[in-house]
Amino acid sequence: MAPRRGIAPEALGPTITVGEILVEIMATTVGEGFLGPQPLVGPFASGAPAIFIDQVARTGGAAGIVAAVGDDDFGRLNVTRLARDGVDVSAISVIPGKPTGSAFVRYRADGSRDFVFNLVHSAAGDTAMTAEAEALIARAGHVHVMGSAFGIAGIGEILLAAVSSVKARGGSVSFDPNIRKELAGGETRKRIDEMLAVADLLLPSGEELFVASGKTDEAEAVEALLALGISEVVLKRGAQGSSHFSREAGRIDAPAYKVDEIDPTGAGDCFGATYLTCRRLGHRPDQALAYANAAGARNVTRQGPMEGVSTLAELDAFIAADADRKILA
């Protein structure tokens, strides 16, 4: 594997990812589970890798995804949406006889959620390396990896092949662990360590910083990760904003924006995609953090995981309006 050089510039090639595409359908009532009839709203285009790559394209980066959908309206809804927003959809396979993945979501009174997923046995479970996927990978400049993708058979192998190819060309890798500590043993731990060994940008949330590093103190965790050769660690803190850590710029903290939250799904994906794309486009870490915080905040003000994805012009307007909105300390 080629040595790490930091986040590759946009000119090297598009940002790509591999993973699940699904639709999200939401209960309109607050409560627990789906044990009785519920009024629903949706379908909304979704899937963490799909949300991420859609935001990359909206931010102004070249973007592509390797994935699979069914030959159904849910699949067509997603592919049409991604293509409309500028994502290269040439490596999305259509799997006959398999439905597009789905997630039914209901919010509890405390803000937590209950899910009913159809993912592993959906078309996403048949994601495979195709000629179109190989062509997309061959011209990519950056690969984004989500830890959740390793839970779907076959996707992990495609991601590892993509990382190897892009690294050999001088490209870079970002990694969002997206994994709970209870699930971070065995094969999952092996995959995490493989990604940490090649990642140039790490995008953990909360306890994922400690899962990744094996430390329980934030400063020690960051130092351990930078010592591995990771160029930038960007910690998502939710309502407390975010922090950048690197050898070059040190620690940079950025406060969150105060908004009325409607739907938090996808906020972290929009944050990570915006930060990465801004850095690939040449923005300083502090500028990228400001845009990323704005992207995450703006996304939660819309119902549906992709309904709040943003262009840089929209984020400029959102940030400019902050004088009336106030920033959380």
Protein backbone atom coordinates (compact mmCIF):
# COMPACT_ATOMS: atom_id res chain seq x y z
CA MET A 1 0.00 0.00 0.00
CA ALA A 2 1.34 3.46 -0.93
CA PRO A 3 2.22 5.81 1.96
CA ARG A 4 -0.41 8.30 3.11
CA ARG A 5 -0.13 11.83 1.76
CA GLY A 6 -3.17 13.49 3.30
CA ILE A 7 -6.51 14.17 1.62
CA ALA A 8 -6.15 14.02 -2.16
CA PRO A 9 -7.17 17.11 -4.16
CA GLU A 10 -10.30 17.08 -6.29
CA ALA A 11 -8.24 17.09 -9.48
CA LEU A 12 -7.07 13.50 -8.85
CA GLY A 13 -10.53 12.05 -9.44
CA PRO A 14 -14.01 11.67 -7.95
CA THR A 15 -14.93 10.69 -4.42
CA ILE A 16 -16.56 7.27 -4.44
CA THR A 17 -18.18 5.01 -1.89
CA VAL A 18 -19.66 1.51 -1.76
CA GLY A 19 -22.73 0.51 0.20
CA GLU A 20 -26.44 0.29 0.72
CA ILE A 21 -29.17 2.21 -1.02
CA LEU A 22 -32.62 2.05 0.54
CA VAL A 23 -35.84 3.93 1.08
CA GLU A 24 -36.94 5.25 4.44
CA ILE A 25 -40.61 5.27 5.46
CA MET A 26 -41.52 7.06 8.67
CA ALA A 27 -44.37 6.73 11.14
CA THR A 28 -46.07 10.06 11.74
CA THR A 29 -46.99 9.18 15.33
CA VAL A 30 -44.64 9.06 18.31
CA GLY A 31 -44.49 5.77 20.17
CA GLU A 32 -42.77 2.40 20.30
CA GLY A 33 -42.47 0.04 17.38
CA PHE A 34 -44.86 -1.13 14.69
CA LEU A 35 -47.18 -3.50 16.54
CA GLY A 36 -50.28 -1.82 15.16
CA PRO A 37 -51.42 0.12 12.09
CA GLN A 38 -49.58 3.42 11.68
CA PRO A 39 -49.94 6.44 9.40
CA LEU A 40 -46.73 6.67 7.39
CA VAL A 41 -44.90 9.20 5.24
CA GLY A 42 -42.39 8.42 2.50
CA PRO A 43 -40.69 6.78 0.72
CA PHE A 44 -37.57 8.94 1.04
CA ALA A 45 -34.28 8.22 -0.72
CA SER A 46 -31.83 6.96 1.91
CA GLY A 47 -28.92 4.74 2.92
CA ALA A 48 -25.91 6.28 4.68
CA PRO A 49 -23.51 5.86 1.70
CA ALA A 50 -26.15 7.29 -0.65
CA ILE A 51 -26.78 10.30 1.59
CA PHE A 52 -23.04 10.88 1.87
CA ILE A 53 -22.32 10.71 -1.85
CA ASP A 54 -25.35 12.86 -2.72
CA GLN A 55 -24.03 15.59 -0.41
CA VAL A 56 -20.56 15.31 -2.00
CA ALA A 57 -22.11 16.03 -5.39
CA ARG A 58 -24.27 18.88 -4.06
CA THR A 59 -21.20 20.44 -2.42
CA GLY A 60 -19.50 20.55 -5.81
CA GLY A 61 -17.34 17.44 -5.81
CA ALA A 62 -17.27 14.74 -8.47
CA ALA A 63 -18.97 11.71 -6.96
CA GLY A 64 -19.90 8.09 -7.68
CA ILE A 65 -21.28 5.07 -5.84
CA VAL A 66 -21.08 1.29 -6.22
CA ALA A 67 -24.37 -0.19 -5.05
CA ALA A 68 -27.39 -2.30 -6.01
CA VAL A 69 -31.13 -1.68 -6.11
CA GLY A 70 -34.16 -3.70 -7.13
CA ASP A 71 -36.07 -3.32 -10.38
CA ASP A 72 -38.82 -1.39 -8.59
CA ASP A 73 -40.04 2.11 -7.88
CA PHE A 74 -37.96 2.37 -4.70
CA GLY A 75 -34.81 1.70 -6.70
CA ARG A 76 -35.80 4.08 -9.47
CA LEU A 77 -36.61 6.80 -6.92
CA ASN A 78 -33.08 6.57 -5.49
CA VAL A 79 -31.18 6.32 -8.77
CA THR A 80 -33.13 9.22 -10.29
CA ARG A 81 -32.47 11.36 -7.22
CA LEU A 82 -28.73 10.62 -7.17
CA ALA A 83 -28.34 11.24 -10.89
CA ARG A 84 -30.30 14.49 -10.66
CA ASP A 85 -27.94 15.76 -7.97
CA GLY A 86 -24.84 14.95 -10.03
CA VAL A 87 -23.76 11.53 -8.74
CA ASP A 88 -22.28 9.04 -11.23
CA VAL A 89 -24.79 6.16 -11.04
CA SER A 90 -23.15 3.96 -13.70
CA ALA A 91 -22.00 1.43 -11.08
CA ILE A 92 -25.43 0.96 -9.47
CA SER A 93 -26.63 -2.52 -10.45
CA VAL A 94 -30.30 -3.42 -10.85
CA ILE A 95 -30.96 -6.87 -9.37
CA PRO A 96 -33.97 -8.75 -10.84
CA GLY A 97 -36.12 -10.53 -8.28
CA LYS A 98 -34.79 -8.62 -5.26
CA PRO A 99 -36.45 -5.57 -3.69
CA THR A 100 -34.66 -2.34 -2.99
CA GLY A 101 -33.70 -2.09 0.68
CA SER A 102 -36.06 -0.39 3.09
CA ALA A 103 -36.21 0.98 6.61
CA PHE A 104 -39.39 1.75 8.55
CA VAL A 105 -38.74 4.26 11.32
CA ARG A 106 -40.77 5.37 14.33
CA TYR A 107 -39.66 7.93 16.90
CA ARG A 108 -40.09 7.30 20.61
CA ALA A 109 -41.03 10.05 23.06
CA ASP A 110 -37.39 10.37 24.20
CA GLY A 111 -36.14 10.96 20.64
CA SER A 112 -34.75 7.46 20.12
CA ARG A 113 -35.98 5.40 17.18
CA ASP A 114 -37.31 1.94 16.41
CA PHE A 115 -36.40 0.47 13.00
CA VAL A 116 -37.64 -2.38 10.85
CA PHE A 117 -35.00 -3.04 8.18
CA ASN A 118 -34.99 -5.08 5.01
CA LEU A 119 -31.38 -4.78 3.97
CA VAL A 120 -29.30 -7.95 4.03
CA HIS A 121 -31.92 -9.84 2.01
CA SER A 122 -32.59 -6.93 -0.33
CA ALA A 123 -30.81 -6.03 -3.57
CA ALA A 124 -28.11 -4.36 -1.45
CA GLY A 125 -27.05 -7.84 -0.34
CA ASP A 126 -26.19 -8.65 -3.96
CA THR A 127 -23.80 -5.73 -4.44
CA ALA A 128 -20.88 -7.07 -6.46
CA MET A 129 -17.81 -5.96 -8.37
CA THR A 130 -18.93 -5.33 -11.95
CA ALA A 131 -17.18 -3.93 -14.99
CA GLU A 132 -18.88 -0.60 -14.30
CA ALA A 133 -17.68 -0.66 -10.69
CA GLU A 134 -14.12 -1.42 -11.79
CA ALA A 135 -14.21 1.50 -14.24
CA LEU A 136 -15.45 3.91 -11.57
CA ILE A 137 -12.84 2.74 -9.06
CA ALA A 138 -10.06 3.03 -11.67
CA ARG A 139 -10.55 6.78 -12.00
CA ALA A 140 -11.37 7.65 -8.38
CA GLY A 141 -9.24 9.98 -6.30
CA HIS A 142 -10.81 9.25 -2.92
CA VAL A 143 -12.73 6.40 -1.26
CA HIS A 144 -15.11 6.95 1.64
CA VAL A 145 -15.70 3.92 3.88
CA MET A 146 -18.53 3.47 6.36
CA GLY A 147 -18.17 0.85 9.06
CA SER A 148 -21.79 -0.20 8.68
CA ALA A 149 -21.12 -1.34 5.11
CA PHE A 150 -19.06 -4.29 6.35
CA GLY A 151 -22.25 -5.84 7.70
CA ILE A 152 -23.43 -6.59 4.15
CA ALA A 153 -21.83 -9.61 2.46
CA GLY A 154 -19.51 -8.71 -0.40
CA ILE A 155 -19.35 -4.97 0.17
CA GLY A 156 -16.29 -5.19 2.41
CA GLU A 157 -14.28 -6.92 -0.31
CA ILE A 158 -15.24 -4.27 -2.87
CA LEU A 159 -14.25 -1.50 -0.49
CA LEU A 160 -10.87 -3.08 0.20
CA ALA A 161 -10.24 -3.45 -3.53
CA ALA A 162 -11.24 0.18 -4.09
CA VAL A 163 -8.95 1.38 -1.29
CA SER A 164 -6.01 -0.58 -2.71
CA SER A 165 -6.57 0.79 -6.22
CA VAL A 166 -7.05 4.40 -5.18
CA LYS A 167 -4.12 4.37 -2.76
CA ALA A 168 -1.86 3.00 -5.49
CA ARG A 169 -2.77 6.05 -7.60
CA GLY A 170 -1.89 8.47 -4.81
CA GLY A 171 -5.50 8.91 -3.68
CA SER A 172 -6.87 9.07 -0.17
CA VAL A 173 -9.36 7.36 2.15
CA SER A 174 -11.86 8.63 4.71
CA PHE A 175 -13.43 6.37 7.33
CA ASP A 176 -16.59 6.88 9.34
CA PRO A 177 -16.55 4.03 11.92
CA ASN A 178 -20.35 4.15 12.40
CA ILE A 179 -20.23 1.27 14.85
CA ARG A 180 -21.26 0.73 18.48
CA LYS A 181 -18.71 -0.56 20.98
CA GLU A 182 -20.91 -3.61 21.63
CA LEU A 183 -20.45 -4.65 17.98
CA ALA A 184 -16.76 -3.85 17.69
CA GLY A 185 -15.31 -7.29 18.35
CA GLY A 186 -14.08 -10.16 16.19
CA GLU A 187 -14.30 -9.59 12.43
CA THR A 188 -15.63 -6.06 12.88
CA ARG A 189 -12.57 -5.12 14.94
CA LYS A 190 -10.34 -6.55 12.22
CA ARG A 191 -12.08 -4.43 9.58
CA ILE A 192 -11.79 -1.29 11.75
CA ASP A 193 -8.07 -1.86 12.17
CA GLU A 194 -7.63 -2.43 8.44
CA MET A 195 -9.31 0.89 7.72
CA LEU A 196 -7.37 2.77 10.40
CA ALA A 197 -4.17 1.52 8.78
CA VAL A 198 -5.01 3.28 5.51
CA ALA A 199 -7.31 6.17 6.47
CA ASP A 200 -6.25 9.76 5.84
CA LEU A 201 -9.37 11.26 7.40
CA LEU A 202 -11.27 9.74 10.34
CA LEU A 203 -14.82 10.96 11.07
CA PRO A 204 -15.98 9.46 14.40
CA SER A 205 -19.00 10.46 16.47
CA GLY A 206 -19.01 10.32 20.27
CA GLU A 207 -17.80 6.99 21.63
CA GLU A 208 -16.59 5.89 18.17
CA LEU A 209 -13.41 7.88 18.87
CA PHE A 210 -12.71 5.55 21.80
CA VAL A 211 -13.79 2.42 19.92
CA ALA A 212 -11.37 3.26 17.13
CA SER A 213 -8.43 4.18 19.35
CA GLY A 214 -8.85 1.76 22.24
CA LYS A 215 -8.40 4.71 24.64
CA THR A 216 -10.83 6.25 27.12
CA ASP A 217 -9.39 9.78 27.25
CA GLU A 218 -10.10 12.11 24.31
CA ALA A 219 -6.62 13.64 24.05
CA GLU A 220 -4.96 10.23 24.31
CA ALA A 221 -7.37 8.80 21.75
CA VAL A 222 -6.63 11.54 19.24
CA GLU A 223 -2.89 11.22 19.75
CA ALA A 224 -3.02 7.45 19.26
CA LEU A 225 -4.92 7.85 16.00
CA LEU A 226 -2.63 10.56 14.63
CA ALA A 227 0.34 8.35 15.56
CA LEU A 228 -1.06 5.69 13.21
CA GLY A 229 -0.52 8.11 10.33
CA ILE A 230 -4.07 9.43 10.01
CA SER A 231 -3.75 13.00 8.73
CA GLU A 232 -6.94 14.46 10.17
CA VAL A 233 -9.37 13.36 12.88
CA VAL A 234 -12.67 15.24 12.81
CA LEU A 235 -14.89 14.52 15.80
CA LYS A 236 -18.64 15.04 15.40
CA ARG A 237 -20.08 16.30 18.70
CA GLY A 238 -23.73 16.81 17.73
CA ALA A 239 -25.24 19.78 19.56
CA GLN A 240 -21.75 20.66 20.86
CA GLY A 241 -20.36 21.22 17.36
CA SER A 242 -17.21 19.54 16.05
CA SER A 243 -13.44 19.47 16.38
CA HIS A 244 -10.56 19.03 13.95
CA PHE A 245 -7.25 17.50 15.06
CA SER A 246 -4.09 17.29 12.95
CA ARG A 247 -0.33 17.68 13.21
CA GLU A 248 -0.43 20.66 10.87
CA ALA A 249 -3.29 22.71 12.33
CA GLY A 250 -3.57 21.31 15.85
CA ARG A 251 -7.02 21.45 17.43
CA ILE A 252 -9.78 23.56 15.93
CA ASP A 253 -13.23 23.68 17.56
CA ALA A 254 -16.35 24.85 15.74
CA PRO A 255 -19.67 25.48 17.52
CA ALA A 256 -22.94 24.01 16.33
CA TYR A 257 -25.80 25.97 14.85
CA LYS A 258 -29.06 26.22 16.77
CA VAL A 259 -31.97 24.95 14.67
CA ASP A 260 -35.36 23.37 15.15
CA GLU A 261 -34.74 19.67 14.57
CA ILE A 262 -37.29 17.79 12.48
CA ASP A 263 -35.38 14.66 11.44
CA PRO A 264 -31.76 13.92 12.49
CA THR A 265 -31.23 11.04 10.06
CA GLY A 266 -28.38 11.80 7.66
CA ALA A 267 -26.94 14.78 9.53
CA GLY A 268 -23.63 13.04 10.22
CA ASP A 269 -23.36 11.85 6.62
CA CYS A 270 -23.96 15.39 5.32
CA PHE A 271 -21.40 16.72 7.81
CA GLY A 272 -18.71 14.26 6.72
CA ALA A 273 -19.36 14.67 3.01
CA THR A 274 -19.20 18.44 3.25
CA TYR A 275 -16.03 18.48 5.32
CA LEU A 276 -14.27 16.05 2.99
CA THR A 277 -15.35 17.80 -0.20
CA CYS A 278 -14.37 21.22 1.09
CA ARG A 279 -10.93 19.92 1.99
CA ARG A 280 -10.58 18.28 -1.44
CA LEU A 281 -11.57 21.61 -3.02
CA GLY A 282 -8.83 23.40 -1.09
CA HIS A 283 -10.63 24.93 1.89
CA ARG A 284 -8.77 25.31 5.19
CA PRO A 285 -9.82 23.01 8.07
CA ASP A 286 -11.64 25.82 9.90
CA GLN A 287 -13.59 26.73 6.76
CA ALA A 288 -14.44 23.09 6.11
CA LEU A 289 -15.66 22.66 9.71
CA ALA A 290 -17.94 25.70 9.45
CA TYR A 291 -19.50 24.41 6.24
CA ALA A 292 -19.79 20.87 7.65
CA ASN A 293 -21.55 22.05 10.82
CA ALA A 294 -23.93 24.10 8.68
CA ALA A 295 -24.63 21.12 6.41
CA GLY A 296 -25.49 18.87 9.34
CA ALA A 297 -27.67 21.53 10.96
CA ARG A 298 -29.52 22.41 7.77
CA ASN A 299 -30.20 18.75 7.03
CA VAL A 300 -32.07 18.15 10.29
CA THR A 301 -34.55 20.92 9.48
CA ARG A 302 -36.10 18.80 6.69
CA GLN A 303 -38.03 15.54 6.94
CA GLY A 304 -36.27 12.80 5.00
CA PRO A 305 -32.56 11.88 5.10
CA MET A 306 -31.63 13.54 1.78
CA GLU A 307 -34.17 16.33 1.74
CA GLY A 308 -31.80 18.75 3.46
CA VAL A 309 -28.65 18.18 1.39
CA SER A 310 -27.06 21.50 0.51
CA THR A 311 -25.03 23.36 -2.07
CA LEU A 312 -22.24 25.65 -0.88
CA ALA A 313 -24.39 28.63 -1.90
CA GLU A 314 -27.20 27.36 0.32
CA LEU A 315 -24.74 26.88 3.17
CA ASP A 316 -23.38 30.39 2.69
CA ALA A 317 -26.93 31.72 3.06
CA PHE A 318 -27.54 29.50 6.10
CA ILE A 319 -24.34 30.73 7.78
CA ALA A 320 -25.09 34.36 6.92
CA ALA A 321 -28.49 34.03 8.62
CA ASP A 322 -26.77 32.95 11.84
CA ALA A 323 -26.75 36.50 13.15
CA ASP A 324 -30.46 36.03 13.80
CA ARG A 325 -30.19 32.40 14.90
CA LYS A 326 -27.28 32.52 17.37
CA ILE A 327 -24.61 29.84 17.67
CA LEU A 328 -24.60 27.41 20.54
CA ALA A 329 -21.65 27.93 22.87
